[in-house]
Amino acid sequence: MKEEHKETQPAHAESQQKAHPGPPHERKNILFTIKEHPLFVEAALVAFIIIFAAGLFYWQDFQGKIYLENAQIQAPIISLGPATSGVLEKLYVNEGDTVSQGQRLALVGNQTITASTHGIIIGIMNVPGQLVTPQSAVVQMIDPDQFRVVGRIQEDKGLADVKPGQRVVFTVDAFGTKQYLGTVESVSMTSRQSDIVFSISNQRQEQEFEVRVLFDNNAYPELKNGMSAKMWIYK
């Protein structure tokens, strides 16, 4: 019986070895096998080319645009008041109303104040019975067609490379990473006034200039006056 047991033992051990591979030092080195593959060099070369091309594309894209972190959606505010002093008798509009050119907005004495253009009402002097003067802004409105993205750029941060007609991509904080398209309309001819005052310092104050970007307001009706934005100008 012992001899029969000895004869069956090798077969049993062989089946166990097949089911459970040997220790790590007896297994094939996977990395060595990959390196010895006839296509390894070609695959490594292709991977290197892809990584290099991606890096080059990123670098060129980074070098090919100017980033403006401080920007805002703006439109000129139109202030409307009486030609002569009088009592504010009545208001015909509320904030947020959309009005058309020539639409009556308020009555001061016997003077009717009308909209000078189509637009959106952003402010009213809601105090009927008060005496108002020609300097008073009884109604304030904006023309959405005049919406622009206005960014600020320091003179040493790429100002010399910004020109009208360049393509612009911008985002607004209210809508996260959603991208909008525009075109550089103009670059201010004079720097913005700064509140920074240098007393005794050898550091030069870098001046900021405004870049105005035109965009299709009808395509982006969700954009509103005063929204904060960021922009990328493509050289």
Protein backbone atom coordinates (compact mmCIF):
# COMPACT_ATOMS: atom_id res chain seq x y z
CA MET A 1 0.00 0.00 0.00
CA LYS A 2 2.85 2.35 0.73
CA GLU A 3 4.29 1.80 -2.75
CA GLU A 4 0.93 2.64 -4.37
CA HIS A 5 0.83 5.86 -2.36
CA LYS A 6 4.26 6.79 -3.63
CA GLU A 7 3.16 6.27 -7.22
CA THR A 8 0.12 8.58 -6.93
CA GLN A 9 1.94 11.34 -5.05
CA PRO A 10 3.74 12.92 -8.06
CA ALA A 11 0.50 13.22 -10.01
CA HIS A 12 -1.17 14.95 -7.09
CA ALA A 13 1.76 17.33 -6.64
CA GLU A 14 1.72 18.15 -10.35
CA SER A 15 -1.96 19.11 -10.20
CA GLN A 16 -1.30 21.38 -7.22
CA GLN A 17 1.56 23.07 -9.04
CA LYS A 18 -0.68 23.81 -12.00
CA ALA A 19 -3.37 25.27 -9.79
CA HIS A 20 -0.96 27.35 -7.73
CA PRO A 21 2.05 28.89 -9.51
CA GLY A 22 5.39 28.61 -7.87
CA PRO A 23 7.05 31.26 -5.72
CA PRO A 24 7.83 34.71 -7.23
CA HIS A 25 11.46 33.90 -7.98
CA GLU A 26 10.32 30.98 -10.16
CA ARG A 27 7.74 32.98 -12.11
CA LYS A 28 8.50 34.79 -15.33
CA ASN A 29 9.40 38.46 -15.01
CA ILE A 30 6.53 40.28 -16.68
CA LEU A 31 8.54 43.44 -17.28
CA PHE A 32 11.37 41.43 -18.81
CA THR A 33 8.88 39.66 -21.06
CA ILE A 34 7.43 43.01 -22.21
CA LYS A 35 10.87 44.44 -22.90
CA GLU A 36 11.79 41.36 -24.91
CA HIS A 37 8.67 41.71 -27.06
CA PRO A 38 9.63 42.54 -30.66
CA LEU A 39 7.23 45.54 -30.71
CA PHE A 40 8.39 47.03 -27.41
CA VAL A 41 10.74 49.59 -28.97
CA GLU A 42 8.13 50.70 -31.49
CA ALA A 43 5.45 51.03 -28.78
CA ALA A 44 7.78 53.02 -26.53
CA LEU A 45 8.66 55.33 -29.42
CA VAL A 46 4.99 55.93 -30.23
CA ALA A 47 4.23 56.67 -26.56
CA PHE A 48 7.15 59.11 -26.41
CA ILE A 49 5.95 60.90 -29.56
CA ILE A 50 2.41 61.22 -28.17
CA ILE A 51 3.62 62.61 -24.85
CA PHE A 52 6.04 64.98 -26.55
CA ALA A 53 3.36 66.21 -28.97
CA ALA A 54 0.87 66.76 -26.13
CA GLY A 55 3.46 68.72 -24.15
CA LEU A 56 4.40 70.79 -27.19
CA PHE A 57 0.76 71.52 -27.94
CA TYR A 58 0.15 72.60 -24.34
CA TRP A 59 3.23 74.82 -24.35
CA GLN A 60 2.29 76.44 -27.67
CA ASP A 61 -1.28 76.93 -26.49
CA PHE A 62 -0.05 78.50 -23.25
CA GLN A 63 2.36 80.76 -25.13
CA GLY A 64 -0.27 81.70 -27.70
CA LYS A 65 -2.75 83.35 -25.37
CA ILE A 66 -2.89 86.04 -22.71
CA TYR A 67 -4.82 85.47 -19.50
CA LEU A 68 -6.77 88.29 -17.85
CA GLU A 69 -8.07 87.32 -14.43
CA ASN A 70 -9.89 90.56 -13.65
CA ALA A 71 -12.78 91.23 -16.02
CA GLN A 72 -16.44 92.18 -15.82
CA ILE A 73 -19.56 92.27 -17.97
CA GLN A 74 -20.38 95.95 -18.43
CA ALA A 75 -22.69 98.26 -20.35
CA PRO A 76 -22.82 102.08 -20.14
CA ILE A 77 -25.46 103.29 -17.70
CA ILE A 78 -27.97 105.67 -19.24
CA SER A 79 -29.34 108.15 -16.71
CA LEU A 80 -32.61 109.92 -17.58
CA GLY A 81 -34.08 112.93 -15.83
CA PRO A 82 -36.22 116.03 -16.48
CA ALA A 83 -35.09 118.98 -18.60
CA THR A 84 -36.23 121.35 -15.84
CA SER A 85 -36.89 120.89 -12.13
CA GLY A 86 -40.28 119.52 -11.14
CA VAL A 87 -42.15 117.14 -8.88
CA LEU A 88 -41.98 113.44 -9.62
CA GLU A 89 -45.59 112.62 -10.28
CA LYS A 90 -45.50 109.04 -11.48
CA LEU A 91 -43.29 106.15 -12.54
CA TYR A 92 -44.40 103.79 -15.29
CA VAL A 93 -41.65 101.18 -15.00
CA ASN A 94 -39.96 98.96 -12.44
CA GLU A 95 -36.41 97.67 -12.11
CA GLY A 96 -35.79 94.78 -14.49
CA ASP A 97 -38.36 95.91 -17.06
CA THR A 98 -37.41 95.74 -20.73
CA VAL A 99 -38.44 98.89 -22.57
CA SER A 100 -38.43 100.06 -26.17
CA GLN A 101 -37.14 103.34 -27.58
CA GLY A 102 -39.59 106.20 -26.96
CA GLN A 103 -41.53 104.34 -24.26
CA ARG A 104 -42.63 106.61 -21.40
CA LEU A 105 -40.84 105.96 -18.14
CA ALA A 106 -41.85 108.70 -15.71
CA LEU A 107 -43.79 111.94 -15.34
CA VAL A 108 -42.09 114.96 -13.72
CA GLY A 109 -44.43 117.95 -13.48
CA ASN A 110 -45.77 118.14 -17.01
CA GLN A 111 -42.67 116.51 -18.54
CA THR A 112 -42.74 112.93 -19.75
CA ILE A 113 -39.43 111.13 -19.56
CA THR A 114 -39.04 108.56 -22.32
CA ALA A 115 -36.48 105.88 -23.12
CA SER A 116 -33.72 107.11 -25.39
CA THR A 117 -33.15 103.56 -26.69
CA HIS A 118 -34.40 100.06 -26.12
CA GLY A 119 -32.95 98.47 -23.02
CA ILE A 120 -33.35 97.24 -19.47
CA ILE A 121 -34.29 99.34 -16.45
CA ILE A 122 -31.69 98.93 -13.70
CA GLY A 123 -32.71 101.70 -11.30
CA ILE A 124 -35.57 104.08 -10.53
CA MET A 125 -36.12 107.00 -8.14
CA ASN A 126 -39.19 105.59 -6.50
CA VAL A 127 -40.16 108.68 -4.47
CA PRO A 128 -43.29 110.24 -6.02
CA GLY A 129 -43.94 113.76 -4.77
CA GLN A 130 -40.24 114.63 -4.44
CA LEU A 131 -38.77 117.60 -6.24
CA VAL A 132 -36.20 116.48 -8.81
CA THR A 133 -33.72 118.50 -10.84
CA PRO A 134 -32.17 118.04 -14.27
CA GLN A 135 -29.18 116.49 -12.50
CA SER A 136 -31.37 113.82 -10.91
CA ALA A 137 -31.37 110.32 -12.38
CA VAL A 138 -35.07 109.50 -12.22
CA VAL A 139 -34.54 106.33 -14.28
CA GLN A 140 -31.36 104.41 -15.10
CA MET A 141 -31.16 101.87 -17.89
CA ILE A 142 -28.68 99.96 -20.02
CA ASP A 143 -28.68 98.94 -23.67
CA PRO A 144 -27.87 95.19 -23.88
CA ASP A 145 -26.38 95.74 -27.33
CA GLN A 146 -23.64 97.70 -25.57
CA PHE A 147 -22.63 94.81 -23.32
CA ARG A 148 -18.90 94.22 -23.35
CA VAL A 149 -16.46 92.12 -21.34
CA VAL A 150 -14.02 94.66 -19.95
CA GLY A 151 -10.74 93.20 -18.68
CA ARG A 152 -7.75 94.81 -16.99
CA ILE A 153 -4.20 93.99 -18.01
CA GLN A 154 -0.92 95.26 -16.63
CA GLU A 155 1.42 96.88 -19.11
CA ASP A 156 4.11 94.22 -18.58
CA LYS A 157 1.74 91.21 -18.84
CA GLY A 158 1.26 91.11 -22.61
CA LEU A 159 -0.35 94.47 -23.35
CA ALA A 160 1.86 94.94 -26.42
CA ASP A 161 0.43 91.74 -27.94
CA VAL A 162 -3.25 92.68 -27.55
CA LYS A 163 -4.90 94.04 -30.72
CA PRO A 164 -8.46 94.58 -31.97
CA GLY A 165 -9.87 91.60 -33.83
CA GLN A 166 -8.19 88.91 -31.73
CA ARG A 167 -10.29 85.93 -30.66
CA VAL A 168 -11.28 85.76 -27.00
CA VAL A 169 -12.63 82.97 -24.81
CA PHE A 170 -14.11 84.03 -21.48
CA THR A 171 -15.93 82.55 -18.52
CA VAL A 172 -18.12 84.15 -15.86
CA ASP A 173 -18.05 83.16 -12.22
CA ALA A 174 -21.81 82.63 -12.14
CA PHE A 175 -21.66 79.81 -14.70
CA GLY A 176 -18.46 78.04 -13.74
CA THR A 177 -16.37 76.69 -16.61
CA LYS A 178 -18.88 77.38 -19.39
CA GLN A 179 -17.00 79.14 -22.19
CA TYR A 180 -18.15 82.14 -24.22
CA LEU A 181 -16.64 83.58 -27.38
CA GLY A 182 -15.83 87.18 -28.18
CA THR A 183 -13.52 89.49 -30.10
CA VAL A 184 -11.22 92.23 -28.89
CA GLU A 185 -12.94 95.49 -29.80
CA SER A 186 -10.49 98.02 -28.39
CA VAL A 187 -7.62 98.65 -25.99
CA SER A 188 -7.75 101.81 -23.89
CA MET A 189 -5.35 104.58 -24.89
CA THR A 190 -4.74 105.60 -21.29
CA SER A 191 -4.18 103.65 -18.10
CA ARG A 192 -6.75 103.26 -15.38
CA GLN A 193 -6.56 105.51 -12.33
CA SER A 194 -5.07 103.66 -9.40
CA ASP A 195 -5.68 104.16 -5.70
CA ILE A 196 -2.17 102.93 -4.87
CA VAL A 197 0.19 105.68 -3.75
CA PHE A 198 3.91 105.02 -3.55
CA SER A 199 5.82 107.11 -1.02
CA ILE A 200 9.45 106.09 -0.69
CA SER A 201 10.10 103.07 -2.86
CA ASN A 202 12.26 102.03 -5.76
CA GLN A 203 9.49 99.84 -7.13
CA ARG A 204 7.76 101.13 -10.23
CA GLN A 205 3.98 101.03 -10.27
CA GLU A 206 2.72 98.89 -13.15
CA GLN A 207 -0.15 100.60 -14.93
CA GLU A 208 -3.33 98.78 -15.94
CA PHE A 209 -5.18 99.20 -19.21
CA GLU A 210 -8.69 98.17 -20.16
CA VAL A 211 -9.43 95.69 -22.93
CA ARG A 212 -12.99 95.77 -24.29
CA VAL A 213 -14.33 92.56 -25.81
CA LEU A 214 -17.40 92.39 -28.03
CA PHE A 215 -19.68 89.35 -27.89
CA ASP A 216 -23.07 88.31 -29.24
CA ASN A 217 -25.49 89.26 -26.48
CA ASN A 218 -28.38 87.50 -28.25
CA ALA A 219 -26.45 84.23 -28.12
CA TYR A 220 -25.78 84.59 -24.39
CA PRO A 221 -28.93 86.09 -22.82
CA GLU A 222 -27.96 84.76 -19.39
CA LEU A 223 -25.09 87.24 -19.08
CA LYS A 224 -25.93 90.24 -16.90
CA ASN A 225 -24.41 93.61 -16.16
CA GLY A 226 -21.73 93.49 -13.47
CA MET A 227 -20.92 89.76 -13.63
CA SER A 228 -17.30 88.90 -12.83
CA ALA A 229 -15.38 87.21 -15.62
CA LYS A 230 -12.01 85.83 -16.72
CA MET A 231 -10.72 85.92 -20.29
CA TRP A 232 -8.09 84.40 -22.55
CA ILE A 233 -6.96 86.45 -25.53
CA TYR A 234 -5.47 84.47 -28.43
CA LYS A 235 -2.54 86.20 -30.13
